[in-house]
Amino acid sequence: MRFQHDCTACVCLGTFEDPDEGYLEFYWCSNKGSPSLDSVIARYGNEGHEYIAYHPPEAFADASSLLTRHPWYVEILKRAQERGLYKP
């Protein structure tokens, strides 16, 4: 991994090359009290603000635009599901 990520609750889900957003590192952060508020994180730099984070699609009234706007979002959900972290 290239980038520093200091949250001990996060699980690393590997990397991804996005044609628009470049090299990304994926993380899944579980919210034990409310699984619908788990977070998917795509880090693109070492600075604290250099990441993009969303909740799983179930947290949104309409996640369709998010699913089509960010190809990496679909990929991170797939990886989290394969590892048993995400259960749609």
PDB file of N, CA and C in Angstrom:
ATOM      1  N   MET A   1       0.842  -1.176   0.000  1.00  0.00           N
ATOM      2  CA  MET A   1       0.000   0.000   0.000  1.00  0.00           C
ATOM      3  C   MET A   1       0.892   1.245   0.000  1.00  0.00           C
ATOM      4  N   ARG A   2       0.504   2.201  -0.778  1.00  0.00           N
ATOM      5  CA  ARG A   2       1.284   3.439  -0.903  1.00  0.00           C
ATOM      6  C   ARG A   2       0.955   4.473   0.169  1.00  0.00           C
ATOM      7  N   PHE A   3      -0.297   4.485   0.600  1.00  0.00           N
ATOM      8  CA  PHE A   3      -0.771   5.588   1.420  1.00  0.00           C
ATOM      9  C   PHE A   3      -0.944   5.191   2.883  1.00  0.00           C
ATOM     10  N   GLN A   4      -0.731   6.155   3.726  1.00  0.00           N
ATOM     11  CA  GLN A   4      -0.898   5.979   5.155  1.00  0.00           C
ATOM     12  C   GLN A   4      -2.392   5.975   5.480  1.00  0.00           C
ATOM     13  N   HIS A   5      -2.811   5.026   6.298  1.00  0.00           N
ATOM     14  CA  HIS A   5      -4.216   4.971   6.736  1.00  0.00           C
ATOM     15  C   HIS A   5      -4.189   4.522   8.181  1.00  0.00           C
ATOM     16  N   ASP A   6      -4.558   5.406   9.088  1.00  0.00           N
ATOM     17  CA  ASP A   6      -4.330   5.141  10.504  1.00  0.00           C
ATOM     18  C   ASP A   6      -5.562   4.704  11.299  1.00  0.00           C
ATOM     19  N   CYS A   7      -6.632   4.309  10.649  1.00  0.00           N
ATOM     20  CA  CYS A   7      -7.816   3.832  11.369  1.00  0.00           C
ATOM     21  C   CYS A   7      -7.666   2.334  11.622  1.00  0.00           C
ATOM     22  N   THR A   8      -7.619   1.947  12.886  1.00  0.00           N
ATOM     23  CA  THR A   8      -7.440   0.535  13.222  1.00  0.00           C
ATOM     24  C   THR A   8      -8.715  -0.283  13.006  1.00  0.00           C
ATOM     25  N   ALA A   9      -9.854   0.364  12.823  1.00  0.00           N
ATOM     26  CA  ALA A   9     -11.111  -0.351  12.583  1.00  0.00           C
ATOM     27  C   ALA A   9     -11.269  -0.762  11.122  1.00  0.00           C
ATOM     28  N   CYS A  10     -10.482  -0.191  10.238  1.00  0.00           N
ATOM     29  CA  CYS A  10     -10.617  -0.446   8.804  1.00  0.00           C
ATOM     30  C   CYS A  10      -9.941  -1.748   8.390  1.00  0.00           C
ATOM     31  N   VAL A  11     -10.545  -2.383   7.378  1.00  0.00           N
ATOM     32  CA  VAL A  11      -9.971  -3.565   6.755  1.00  0.00           C
ATOM     33  C   VAL A  11      -9.561  -3.168   5.346  1.00  0.00           C
ATOM     34  N   CYS A  12      -8.318  -3.430   5.002  1.00  0.00           N
ATOM     35  CA  CYS A  12      -7.811  -3.102   3.670  1.00  0.00           C
ATOM     36  C   CYS A  12      -8.365  -4.103   2.660  1.00  0.00           C
ATOM     37  N   LEU A  13      -8.869  -3.584   1.541  1.00  0.00           N
ATOM     38  CA  LEU A  13      -9.431  -4.422   0.481  1.00  0.00           C
ATOM     39  C   LEU A  13      -8.654  -4.303  -0.822  1.00  0.00           C
ATOM     40  N   GLY A  14      -7.419  -3.835  -0.745  1.00  0.00           N
ATOM     41  CA  GLY A  14      -6.571  -3.789  -1.927  1.00  0.00           C
ATOM     42  C   GLY A  14      -6.617  -2.471  -2.671  1.00  0.00           C
ATOM     43  N   THR A  15      -6.146  -2.515  -3.912  1.00  0.00           N
ATOM     44  CA  THR A  15      -6.012  -1.310  -4.723  1.00  0.00           C
ATOM     45  C   THR A  15      -6.850  -1.411  -5.982  1.00  0.00           C
ATOM     46  N   PHE A  16      -6.960  -0.279  -6.666  1.00  0.00           N
ATOM     47  CA  PHE A  16      -7.775  -0.201  -7.878  1.00  0.00           C
ATOM     48  C   PHE A  16      -7.262   0.969  -8.711  1.00  0.00           C
ATOM     49  N   GLU A  17      -7.174   0.796 -10.013  1.00  0.00           N
ATOM     50  CA  GLU A  17      -6.832   1.888 -10.928  1.00  0.00           C
ATOM     51  C   GLU A  17      -8.117   2.370 -11.574  1.00  0.00           C
ATOM     52  N   ASP A  18      -8.512   3.588 -11.242  1.00  0.00           N
ATOM     53  CA  ASP A  18      -9.706   4.179 -11.825  1.00  0.00           C
ATOM     54  C   ASP A  18      -9.290   5.108 -12.964  1.00  0.00           C
ATOM     55  N   PRO A  19      -9.921   5.005 -14.146  1.00  0.00           N
ATOM     56  CA  PRO A  19      -9.510   5.847 -15.266  1.00  0.00           C
ATOM     57  C   PRO A  19      -9.646   7.339 -14.984  1.00  0.00           C
ATOM     58  N   ASP A  20     -10.601   7.715 -14.156  1.00  0.00           N
ATOM     59  CA  ASP A  20     -10.818   9.131 -13.844  1.00  0.00           C
ATOM     60  C   ASP A  20     -10.111   9.575 -12.568  1.00  0.00           C
ATOM     61  N   GLU A  21     -10.056   8.708 -11.572  1.00  0.00           N
ATOM     62  CA  GLU A  21      -9.549   9.121 -10.268  1.00  0.00           C
ATOM     63  C   GLU A  21      -8.157   8.578  -9.943  1.00  0.00           C
ATOM     64  N   GLY A  22      -7.597   7.743 -10.814  1.00  0.00           N
ATOM     65  CA  GLY A  22      -6.240   7.250 -10.627  1.00  0.00           C
ATOM     66  C   GLY A  22      -6.153   6.091  -9.643  1.00  0.00           C
ATOM     67  N   TYR A  23      -4.973   5.961  -9.030  1.00  0.00           N
ATOM     68  CA  TYR A  23      -4.685   4.877  -8.096  1.00  0.00           C
ATOM     69  C   TYR A  23      -5.455   5.096  -6.793  1.00  0.00           C
ATOM     70  N   LEU A  24      -6.190   4.079  -6.367  1.00  0.00           N
ATOM     71  CA  LEU A  24      -6.974   4.149  -5.133  1.00  0.00           C
ATOM     72  C   LEU A  24      -6.663   2.947  -4.254  1.00  0.00           C
ATOM     73  N   GLU A  25      -6.704   3.146  -2.960  1.00  0.00           N
ATOM     74  CA  GLU A  25      -6.610   2.048  -2.000  1.00  0.00           C
ATOM     75  C   GLU A  25      -7.954   1.946  -1.294  1.00  0.00           C
ATOM     76  N   PHE A  26      -8.470   0.715  -1.206  1.00  0.00           N
ATOM     77  CA  PHE A  26      -9.800   0.478  -0.662  1.00  0.00           C
ATOM     78  C   PHE A  26      -9.747   0.034   0.796  1.00  0.00           C
ATOM     79  N   TYR A  27     -10.710   0.526   1.566  1.00  0.00           N
ATOM     80  CA  TYR A  27     -10.879   0.113   2.957  1.00  0.00           C
ATOM     81  C   TYR A  27     -12.368  -0.030   3.258  1.00  0.00           C
ATOM     82  N   TRP A  28     -12.657  -0.921   4.186  1.00  0.00           N
ATOM     83  CA  TRP A  28     -14.008  -1.094   4.713  1.00  0.00           C
ATOM     84  C   TRP A  28     -13.941  -0.795   6.201  1.00  0.00           C
ATOM     85  N   CYS A  29     -14.795   0.090   6.667  1.00  0.00           N
ATOM     86  CA  CYS A  29     -14.819   0.454   8.082  1.00  0.00           C
ATOM     87  C   CYS A  29     -16.189   0.089   8.645  1.00  0.00           C
ATOM     88  N   SER A  30     -16.210  -0.891   9.542  1.00  0.00           N
ATOM     89  CA  SER A  30     -17.470  -1.364  10.122  1.00  0.00           C
ATOM     90  C   SER A  30     -17.950  -0.438  11.233  1.00  0.00           C
ATOM     91  N   ASN A  31     -19.266  -0.246  11.256  1.00  0.00           N
ATOM     92  CA  ASN A  31     -19.918   0.491  12.332  1.00  0.00           C
ATOM     93  C   ASN A  31     -20.738  -0.539  13.099  1.00  0.00           C
ATOM     94  N   LYS A  32     -20.159  -1.069  14.174  1.00  0.00           N
ATOM     95  CA  LYS A  32     -20.793  -2.179  14.909  1.00  0.00           C
ATOM     96  C   LYS A  32     -22.199  -1.830  15.395  1.00  0.00           C
ATOM     97  N   GLY A  33     -22.427  -0.583  15.774  1.00  0.00           N
ATOM     98  CA  GLY A  33     -23.737  -0.184  16.288  1.00  0.00           C
ATOM     99  C   GLY A  33     -24.804  -0.059  15.226  1.00  0.00           C
ATOM    100  N   SER A  34     -24.396   0.222  13.991  1.00  0.00           N
ATOM    101  CA  SER A  34     -25.348   0.410  12.905  1.00  0.00           C
ATOM    102  C   SER A  34     -24.705   0.008  11.576  1.00  0.00           C
ATOM    103  N   PRO A  35     -24.805  -1.274  11.205  1.00  0.00           N
ATOM    104  CA  PRO A  35     -24.144  -1.750   9.979  1.00  0.00           C
ATOM    105  C   PRO A  35     -24.517  -0.984   8.716  1.00  0.00           C
ATOM    106  N   SER A  36     -25.702  -0.374   8.670  1.00  0.00           N
ATOM    107  CA  SER A  36     -26.060   0.388   7.476  1.00  0.00           C
ATOM    108  C   SER A  36     -25.201   1.648   7.351  1.00  0.00           C
ATOM    109  N   LEU A  37     -24.489   1.984   8.418  1.00  0.00           N
ATOM    110  CA  LEU A  37     -23.592   3.135   8.386  1.00  0.00           C
ATOM    111  C   LEU A  37     -22.126   2.728   8.324  1.00  0.00           C
ATOM    112  N   ASP A  38     -21.864   1.477   7.905  1.00  0.00           N
ATOM    113  CA  ASP A  38     -20.487   1.093   7.592  1.00  0.00           C
ATOM    114  C   ASP A  38     -19.983   2.062   6.527  1.00  0.00           C
ATOM    115  N   SER A  39     -18.681   2.153   6.353  1.00  0.00           N
ATOM    116  CA  SER A  39     -18.134   3.069   5.353  1.00  0.00           C
ATOM    117  C   SER A  39     -17.244   2.337   4.369  1.00  0.00           C
ATOM    118  N   VAL A  40     -17.352   2.727   3.102  1.00  0.00           N
ATOM    119  CA  VAL A  40     -16.406   2.310   2.083  1.00  0.00           C
ATOM    120  C   VAL A  40     -15.503   3.508   1.842  1.00  0.00           C
ATOM    121  N   ILE A  41     -14.202   3.255   1.813  1.00  0.00           N
ATOM    122  CA  ILE A  41     -13.232   4.338   1.717  1.00  0.00           C
ATOM    123  C   ILE A  41     -12.285   4.063   0.557  1.00  0.00           C
ATOM    124  N   ALA A  42     -12.069   5.072  -0.253  1.00  0.00           N
ATOM    125  CA  ALA A  42     -11.084   5.021  -1.336  1.00  0.00           C
ATOM    126  C   ALA A  42     -10.067   6.128  -1.055  1.00  0.00           C
ATOM    127  N   ARG A  43      -8.868   5.725  -0.663  1.00  0.00           N
ATOM    128  CA  ARG A  43      -7.810   6.686  -0.332  1.00  0.00           C
ATOM    129  C   ARG A  43      -6.959   6.926  -1.565  1.00  0.00           C
ATOM    130  N   TYR A  44      -6.657   8.219  -1.832  1.00  0.00           N
ATOM    131  CA  TYR A  44      -5.845   8.571  -2.992  1.00  0.00           C
ATOM    132  C   TYR A  44      -4.613   9.394  -2.621  1.00  0.00           C
ATOM    133  N   GLY A  45      -4.312   9.517  -1.325  1.00  0.00           N
ATOM    134  CA  GLY A  45      -3.128  10.245  -0.884  1.00  0.00           C
ATOM    135  C   GLY A  45      -2.895  10.048   0.601  1.00  0.00           C
ATOM    136  N   ASN A  46      -1.782  10.578   1.089  1.00  0.00           N
ATOM    137  CA  ASN A  46      -1.412  10.429   2.498  1.00  0.00           C
ATOM    138  C   ASN A  46      -2.051  11.454   3.422  1.00  0.00           C
ATOM    139  N   GLU A  47      -2.433  12.592   2.888  1.00  0.00           N
ATOM    140  CA  GLU A  47      -3.012  13.633   3.730  1.00  0.00           C
ATOM    141  C   GLU A  47      -4.355  13.169   4.290  1.00  0.00           C
ATOM    142  N   GLY A  48      -4.688  13.639   5.457  1.00  0.00           N
ATOM    143  CA  GLY A  48      -5.921  13.213   6.126  1.00  0.00           C
ATOM    144  C   GLY A  48      -7.168  13.379   5.287  1.00  0.00           C
ATOM    145  N   HIS A  49      -7.222  14.412   4.464  1.00  0.00           N
ATOM    146  CA  HIS A  49      -8.415  14.684   3.660  1.00  0.00           C
ATOM    147  C   HIS A  49      -8.404  13.977   2.292  1.00  0.00           C
ATOM    148  N   GLU A  50      -7.352  13.242   1.966  1.00  0.00           N
ATOM    149  CA  GLU A  50      -7.234  12.644   0.638  1.00  0.00           C
ATOM    150  C   GLU A  50      -7.885  11.259   0.567  1.00  0.00           C
ATOM    151  N   TYR A  51      -9.174  11.274   0.660  1.00  0.00           N
ATOM    152  CA  TYR A  51      -9.954  10.050   0.538  1.00  0.00           C
ATOM    153  C   TYR A  51     -11.380  10.406   0.144  1.00  0.00           C
ATOM    154  N   ILE A  52     -12.088   9.415  -0.352  1.00  0.00           N
ATOM    155  CA  ILE A  52     -13.510   9.534  -0.661  1.00  0.00           C
ATOM    156  C   ILE A  52     -14.196   8.457   0.158  1.00  0.00           C
ATOM    157  N   ALA A  53     -15.272   8.801   0.840  1.00  0.00           N
ATOM    158  CA  ALA A  53     -15.969   7.808   1.664  1.00  0.00           C
ATOM    159  C   ALA A  53     -17.472   7.901   1.434  1.00  0.00           C
ATOM    160  N   TYR A  54     -18.084   6.746   1.397  1.00  0.00           N
ATOM    161  CA  TYR A  54     -19.539   6.639   1.283  1.00  0.00           C
ATOM    162  C   TYR A  54     -19.998   5.501   2.188  1.00  0.00           C
ATOM    163  N   HIS A  55     -21.296   5.451   2.406  1.00  0.00           N
ATOM    164  CA  HIS A  55     -21.908   4.322   3.092  1.00  0.00           C
ATOM    165  C   HIS A  55     -22.355   3.312   2.034  1.00  0.00           C
ATOM    166  N   PRO A  56     -22.713   2.106   2.444  1.00  0.00           N
ATOM    167  CA  PRO A  56     -23.286   1.148   1.484  1.00  0.00           C
ATOM    168  C   PRO A  56     -24.575   1.711   0.876  1.00  0.00           C
ATOM    169  N   PRO A  57     -24.982   1.202  -0.280  1.00  0.00           N
ATOM    170  CA  PRO A  57     -26.140   1.776  -0.980  1.00  0.00           C
ATOM    171  C   PRO A  57     -27.431   1.744  -0.176  1.00  0.00           C
ATOM    172  N   GLU A  58     -27.552   0.818   0.764  1.00  0.00           N
ATOM    173  CA  GLU A  58     -28.780   0.732   1.566  1.00  0.00           C
ATOM    174  C   GLU A  58     -29.011   1.984   2.416  1.00  0.00           C
ATOM    175  N   ALA A  59     -27.971   2.762   2.642  1.00  0.00           N
ATOM    176  CA  ALA A  59     -28.083   3.975   3.457  1.00  0.00           C
ATOM    177  C   ALA A  59     -28.664   5.148   2.661  1.00  0.00           C
ATOM    178  N   PHE A  60     -28.783   5.008   1.338  1.00  0.00           N
ATOM    179  CA  PHE A  60     -29.256   6.091   0.479  1.00  0.00           C
ATOM    180  C   PHE A  60     -30.656   5.795  -0.033  1.00  0.00           C
ATOM    181  N   ALA A  61     -31.442   6.830  -0.200  1.00  0.00           N
ATOM    182  CA  ALA A  61     -32.766   6.659  -0.792  1.00  0.00           C
ATOM    183  C   ALA A  61     -32.629   6.215  -2.247  1.00  0.00           C
ATOM    184  N   ASP A  62     -31.642   6.769  -2.958  1.00  0.00           N
ATOM    185  CA  ASP A  62     -31.415   6.402  -4.353  1.00  0.00           C
ATOM    186  C   ASP A  62     -29.911   6.397  -4.599  1.00  0.00           C
ATOM    187  N   ALA A  63     -29.318   5.226  -4.627  1.00  0.00           N
ATOM    188  CA  ALA A  63     -27.874   5.104  -4.816  1.00  0.00           C
ATOM    189  C   ALA A  63     -27.496   4.879  -6.270  1.00  0.00           C
ATOM    190  N   SER A  64     -28.455   4.902  -7.186  1.00  0.00           N
ATOM    191  CA  SER A  64     -28.161   4.567  -8.580  1.00  0.00           C
ATOM    192  C   SER A  64     -27.124   5.505  -9.199  1.00  0.00           C
ATOM    193  N   SER A  65     -27.190   6.798  -8.914  1.00  0.00           N
ATOM    194  CA  SER A  65     -26.208   7.716  -9.507  1.00  0.00           C
ATOM    195  C   SER A  65     -24.817   7.464  -8.936  1.00  0.00           C
ATOM    196  N   LEU A  66     -24.748   7.111  -7.676  1.00  0.00           N
ATOM    197  CA  LEU A  66     -23.459   6.794  -7.050  1.00  0.00           C
ATOM    198  C   LEU A  66     -22.860   5.538  -7.679  1.00  0.00           C
ATOM    199  N   LEU A  67     -23.689   4.547  -7.935  1.00  0.00           N
ATOM    200  CA  LEU A  67     -23.221   3.294  -8.516  1.00  0.00           C
ATOM    201  C   LEU A  67     -22.713   3.476  -9.940  1.00  0.00           C
ATOM    202  N   THR A  68     -23.274   4.402 -10.689  1.00  0.00           N
ATOM    203  CA  THR A  68     -22.820   4.624 -12.058  1.00  0.00           C
ATOM    204  C   THR A  68     -21.714   5.676 -12.141  1.00  0.00           C
ATOM    205  N   ARG A  69     -21.650   6.588 -11.193  1.00  0.00           N
ATOM    206  CA  ARG A  69     -20.657   7.667 -11.231  1.00  0.00           C
ATOM    207  C   ARG A  69     -19.262   7.202 -10.826  1.00  0.00           C
ATOM    208  N   HIS A  70     -19.173   6.235  -9.918  1.00  0.00           N
ATOM    209  CA  HIS A  70     -17.889   5.768  -9.407  1.00  0.00           C
ATOM    210  C   HIS A  70     -17.753   4.258  -9.608  1.00  0.00           C
ATOM    211  N   PRO A  71     -17.087   3.812 -10.676  1.00  0.00           N
ATOM    212  CA  PRO A  71     -16.907   2.374 -10.895  1.00  0.00           C
ATOM    213  C   PRO A  71     -16.223   1.689  -9.716  1.00  0.00           C
ATOM    214  N   TRP A  72     -15.362   2.388  -9.027  1.00  0.00           N
ATOM    215  CA  TRP A  72     -14.656   1.792  -7.884  1.00  0.00           C
ATOM    216  C   TRP A  72     -15.614   1.470  -6.742  1.00  0.00           C
ATOM    217  N   TYR A  73     -16.721   2.202  -6.634  1.00  0.00           N
ATOM    218  CA  TYR A  73     -17.683   1.957  -5.552  1.00  0.00           C
ATOM    219  C   TYR A  73     -18.272   0.547  -5.675  1.00  0.00           C
ATOM    220  N   VAL A  74     -18.617   0.155  -6.876  1.00  0.00           N
ATOM    221  CA  VAL A  74     -19.145  -1.186  -7.125  1.00  0.00           C
ATOM    222  C   VAL A  74     -18.075  -2.230  -6.802  1.00  0.00           C
ATOM    223  N   GLU A  75     -16.842  -1.953  -7.190  1.00  0.00           N
ATOM    224  CA  GLU A  75     -15.741  -2.887  -6.946  1.00  0.00           C
ATOM    225  C   GLU A  75     -15.476  -3.071  -5.452  1.00  0.00           C
ATOM    226  N   ILE A  76     -15.489  -2.007  -4.690  1.00  0.00           N
ATOM    227  CA  ILE A  76     -15.215  -2.123  -3.258  1.00  0.00           C
ATOM    228  C   ILE A  76     -16.340  -2.893  -2.553  1.00  0.00           C
ATOM    229  N   LEU A  77     -17.572  -2.694  -2.984  1.00  0.00           N
ATOM    230  CA  LEU A  77     -18.688  -3.459  -2.402  1.00  0.00           C
ATOM    231  C   LEU A  77     -18.540  -4.941  -2.712  1.00  0.00           C
ATOM    232  N   LYS A  78     -18.125  -5.245  -3.938  1.00  0.00           N
ATOM    233  CA  LYS A  78     -17.913  -6.641  -4.336  1.00  0.00           C
ATOM    234  C   LYS A  78     -16.828  -7.293  -3.472  1.00  0.00           C
ATOM    235  N   ARG A  79     -15.718  -6.593  -3.293  1.00  0.00           N
ATOM    236  CA  ARG A  79     -14.627  -7.135  -2.476  1.00  0.00           C
ATOM    237  C   ARG A  79     -15.034  -7.308  -1.026  1.00  0.00           C
ATOM    238  N   ALA A  80     -15.773  -6.357  -0.493  1.00  0.00           N
ATOM    239  CA  ALA A  80     -16.235  -6.454   0.895  1.00  0.00           C
ATOM    240  C   ALA A  80     -17.193  -7.627   1.054  1.00  0.00           C
ATOM    241  N   GLN A  81     -18.052  -7.836   0.064  1.00  0.00           N
ATOM    242  CA  GLN A  81     -18.991  -8.964   0.117  1.00  0.00           C
ATOM    243  C   GLN A  81     -18.237 -10.280   0.049  1.00  0.00           C
ATOM    244  N   GLU A  82     -17.235 -10.383  -0.804  1.00  0.00           N
ATOM    245  CA  GLU A  82     -16.438 -11.605  -0.922  1.00  0.00           C
ATOM    246  C   GLU A  82     -15.737 -11.947   0.387  1.00  0.00           C
ATOM    247  N   ARG A  83     -15.381 -10.955   1.172  1.00  0.00           N
ATOM    248  CA  ARG A  83     -14.695 -11.188   2.450  1.00  0.00           C
ATOM    249  C   ARG A  83     -15.653 -11.287   3.626  1.00  0.00           C
ATOM    250  N   GLY A  84     -16.966 -11.235   3.352  1.00  0.00           N
ATOM    251  CA  GLY A  84     -17.957 -11.376   4.413  1.00  0.00           C
ATOM    252  C   GLY A  84     -18.161 -10.124   5.238  1.00  0.00           C
ATOM    253  N   LEU A  85     -17.680  -8.983   4.767  1.00  0.00           N
ATOM    254  CA  LEU A  85     -17.828  -7.729   5.505  1.00  0.00           C
ATOM    255  C   LEU A  85     -19.129  -7.018   5.161  1.00  0.00           C
ATOM    256  N   TYR A  86     -19.628  -7.256   3.973  1.00  0.00           N
ATOM    257  CA  TYR A  86     -20.832  -6.583   3.478  1.00  0.00           C
ATOM    258  C   TYR A  86     -21.861  -7.618   3.086  1.00  0.00           C
ATOM    259  N   LYS A  87     -23.051  -7.455   3.635  1.00  0.00           N
ATOM    260  CA  LYS A  87     -24.156  -8.365   3.312  1.00  0.00           C
ATOM    261  C   LYS A  87     -25.333  -7.532   2.850  1.00  0.00           C
ATOM    262  N   PRO A  88     -25.474  -7.377   1.512  1.00  0.00           N
ATOM    263  CA  PRO A  88     -26.568  -6.522   0.992  1.00  0.00           C
ATOM    264  C   PRO A  88     -27.940  -7.076   1.316  1.00  0.00           C
TER     265      PRO A  88
END
